[in-house]
Amino acid sequence: MGLGVGIFLIAVGAILTFAVNASSSSVNIDAVGWILMGVGLVSILLSLLFWQSWAGPGYWSRRRTTYVDDGPPPTY
């Protein structure tokens, strides 16, 4: 999902849990908020875990090694 979506889900879940005082007989809004915050946290952790396999931190500053092949060894 990504870092931005995870942060968005945590924000929406926190709003539903702590700021909304409405009640519904069919849906527990507090539970939906906690679930959204949990999914957002898992999303952030997974994207940080797999970030290095993409172009994560230090991608452009990594030292690259160049190997020079001088050809076959001389024959005697």
C-alpha atoms as a PDB file:
ATOM      1  CA  MET A   1       0.000   0.000   0.000  1.00  0.00           C
ATOM      2  CA  GLY A   2       2.710   2.441   0.847  1.00  0.00           C
ATOM      3  CA  LEU A   3       3.736   4.946   3.419  1.00  0.00           C
ATOM      4  CA  GLY A   4       1.202   7.614   2.470  1.00  0.00           C
ATOM      5  CA  VAL A   5      -1.765   5.254   2.531  1.00  0.00           C
ATOM      6  CA  GLY A   6      -0.675   3.878   5.911  1.00  0.00           C
ATOM      7  CA  ILE A   7      -0.451   7.364   7.411  1.00  0.00           C
ATOM      8  CA  PHE A   8      -3.853   8.221   5.913  1.00  0.00           C
ATOM      9  CA  LEU A   9      -5.441   5.086   7.401  1.00  0.00           C
ATOM     10  CA  ILE A  10      -3.995   5.846  10.827  1.00  0.00           C
ATOM     11  CA  ALA A  11      -5.316   9.416  10.643  1.00  0.00           C
ATOM     12  CA  VAL A  12      -8.826   8.328   9.593  1.00  0.00           C
ATOM     13  CA  GLY A  13      -8.853   5.610  12.260  1.00  0.00           C
ATOM     14  CA  ALA A  14      -7.784   8.076  14.954  1.00  0.00           C
ATOM     15  CA  ILE A  15     -10.495  10.511  13.882  1.00  0.00           C
ATOM     16  CA  LEU A  16     -13.141   7.778  14.018  1.00  0.00           C
ATOM     17  CA  THR A  17     -11.919   6.491  17.387  1.00  0.00           C
ATOM     18  CA  PHE A  18     -11.251   9.691  19.292  1.00  0.00           C
ATOM     19  CA  ALA A  19     -13.211  12.490  17.599  1.00  0.00           C
ATOM     20  CA  VAL A  20     -16.517  10.999  16.453  1.00  0.00           C
ATOM     21  CA  ASN A  21     -19.158  10.684  19.159  1.00  0.00           C
ATOM     22  CA  ALA A  22     -21.917   9.222  16.993  1.00  0.00           C
ATOM     23  CA  SER A  23     -23.375   5.826  17.745  1.00  0.00           C
ATOM     24  CA  SER A  24     -24.854   3.235  15.458  1.00  0.00           C
ATOM     25  CA  SER A  25     -26.715   0.065  16.270  1.00  0.00           C
ATOM     26  CA  SER A  26     -25.161  -1.892  13.407  1.00  0.00           C
ATOM     27  CA  VAL A  27     -21.535  -0.671  13.350  1.00  0.00           C
ATOM     28  CA  ASN A  28     -19.234   0.070  16.253  1.00  0.00           C
ATOM     29  CA  ILE A  29     -17.398   3.180  15.026  1.00  0.00           C
ATOM     30  CA  ASP A  30     -14.692   2.890  17.697  1.00  0.00           C
ATOM     31  CA  ALA A  31     -13.869  -0.649  16.573  1.00  0.00           C
ATOM     32  CA  VAL A  32     -13.684   0.454  12.919  1.00  0.00           C
ATOM     33  CA  GLY A  33     -11.288   3.230  13.940  1.00  0.00           C
ATOM     34  CA  TRP A  34      -9.019   0.846  15.847  1.00  0.00           C
ATOM     35  CA  ILE A  35      -9.034  -1.583  12.926  1.00  0.00           C
ATOM     36  CA  LEU A  36      -8.093   1.184  10.489  1.00  0.00           C
ATOM     37  CA  MET A  37      -5.246   2.305  12.750  1.00  0.00           C
ATOM     38  CA  GLY A  38      -3.976  -1.285  12.973  1.00  0.00           C
ATOM     39  CA  VAL A  39      -4.118  -1.780   9.211  1.00  0.00           C
ATOM     40  CA  GLY A  40      -2.339   1.538   8.705  1.00  0.00           C
ATOM     41  CA  LEU A  41       0.416   0.547  11.114  1.00  0.00           C
ATOM     42  CA  VAL A  42       0.887  -2.819   9.393  1.00  0.00           C
ATOM     43  CA  SER A  43       0.985  -1.040   6.031  1.00  0.00           C
ATOM     44  CA  ILE A  44       3.707   1.341   7.220  1.00  0.00           C
ATOM     45  CA  LEU A  45       5.762  -1.486   8.728  1.00  0.00           C
ATOM     46  CA  LEU A  46       5.521  -3.576   5.554  1.00  0.00           C
ATOM     47  CA  SER A  47       6.484  -0.705   3.300  1.00  0.00           C
ATOM     48  CA  LEU A  48       9.493   0.082   5.505  1.00  0.00           C
ATOM     49  CA  LEU A  49      10.441  -3.588   5.508  1.00  0.00           C
ATOM     50  CA  PHE A  50      10.357  -3.857   1.708  1.00  0.00           C
ATOM     51  CA  TRP A  51      11.642  -0.322   1.100  1.00  0.00           C
ATOM     52  CA  GLN A  52      15.255  -1.384   0.783  1.00  0.00           C
ATOM     53  CA  SER A  53      14.453  -3.922  -1.946  1.00  0.00           C
ATOM     54  CA  TRP A  54      13.155  -1.013  -4.057  1.00  0.00           C
ATOM     55  CA  ALA A  55      15.024   2.287  -4.236  1.00  0.00           C
ATOM     56  CA  GLY A  56      15.092   2.802  -0.495  1.00  0.00           C
ATOM     57  CA  PRO A  57      17.435   4.821   1.677  1.00  0.00           C
ATOM     58  CA  GLY A  58      20.915   5.291   0.292  1.00  0.00           C
ATOM     59  CA  TYR A  59      20.117   4.070  -3.209  1.00  0.00           C
ATOM     60  CA  TRP A  60      21.691   7.033  -4.966  1.00  0.00           C
ATOM     61  CA  SER A  61      24.632   7.343  -2.583  1.00  0.00           C
ATOM     62  CA  ARG A  62      25.777   3.718  -2.591  1.00  0.00           C
ATOM     63  CA  ARG A  63      29.302   3.164  -3.717  1.00  0.00           C
ATOM     64  CA  ARG A  64      29.332   1.197  -6.936  1.00  0.00           C
ATOM     65  CA  THR A  65      32.134  -1.216  -7.691  1.00  0.00           C
ATOM     66  CA  THR A  66      33.539  -1.472 -11.197  1.00  0.00           C
ATOM     67  CA  TYR A  67      35.468  -4.527 -12.263  1.00  0.00           C
ATOM     68  CA  VAL A  68      37.941  -4.250 -15.126  1.00  0.00           C
ATOM     69  CA  ASP A  69      38.669  -7.369 -17.144  1.00  0.00           C
ATOM     70  CA  ASP A  70      42.208  -7.203 -18.567  1.00  0.00           C
ATOM     71  CA  GLY A  71      41.670 -10.176 -20.827  1.00  0.00           C
ATOM     72  CA  PRO A  72      43.128 -13.666 -20.607  1.00  0.00           C
ATOM     73  CA  PRO A  73      46.435 -14.246 -18.846  1.00  0.00           C
ATOM     74  CA  PRO A  74      49.571 -14.234 -21.042  1.00  0.00           C
ATOM     75  CA  THR A  75      50.752 -17.553 -22.470  1.00  0.00           C
ATOM     76  CA  TYR A  76      54.426 -18.616 -22.239  1.00  0.00           C
END
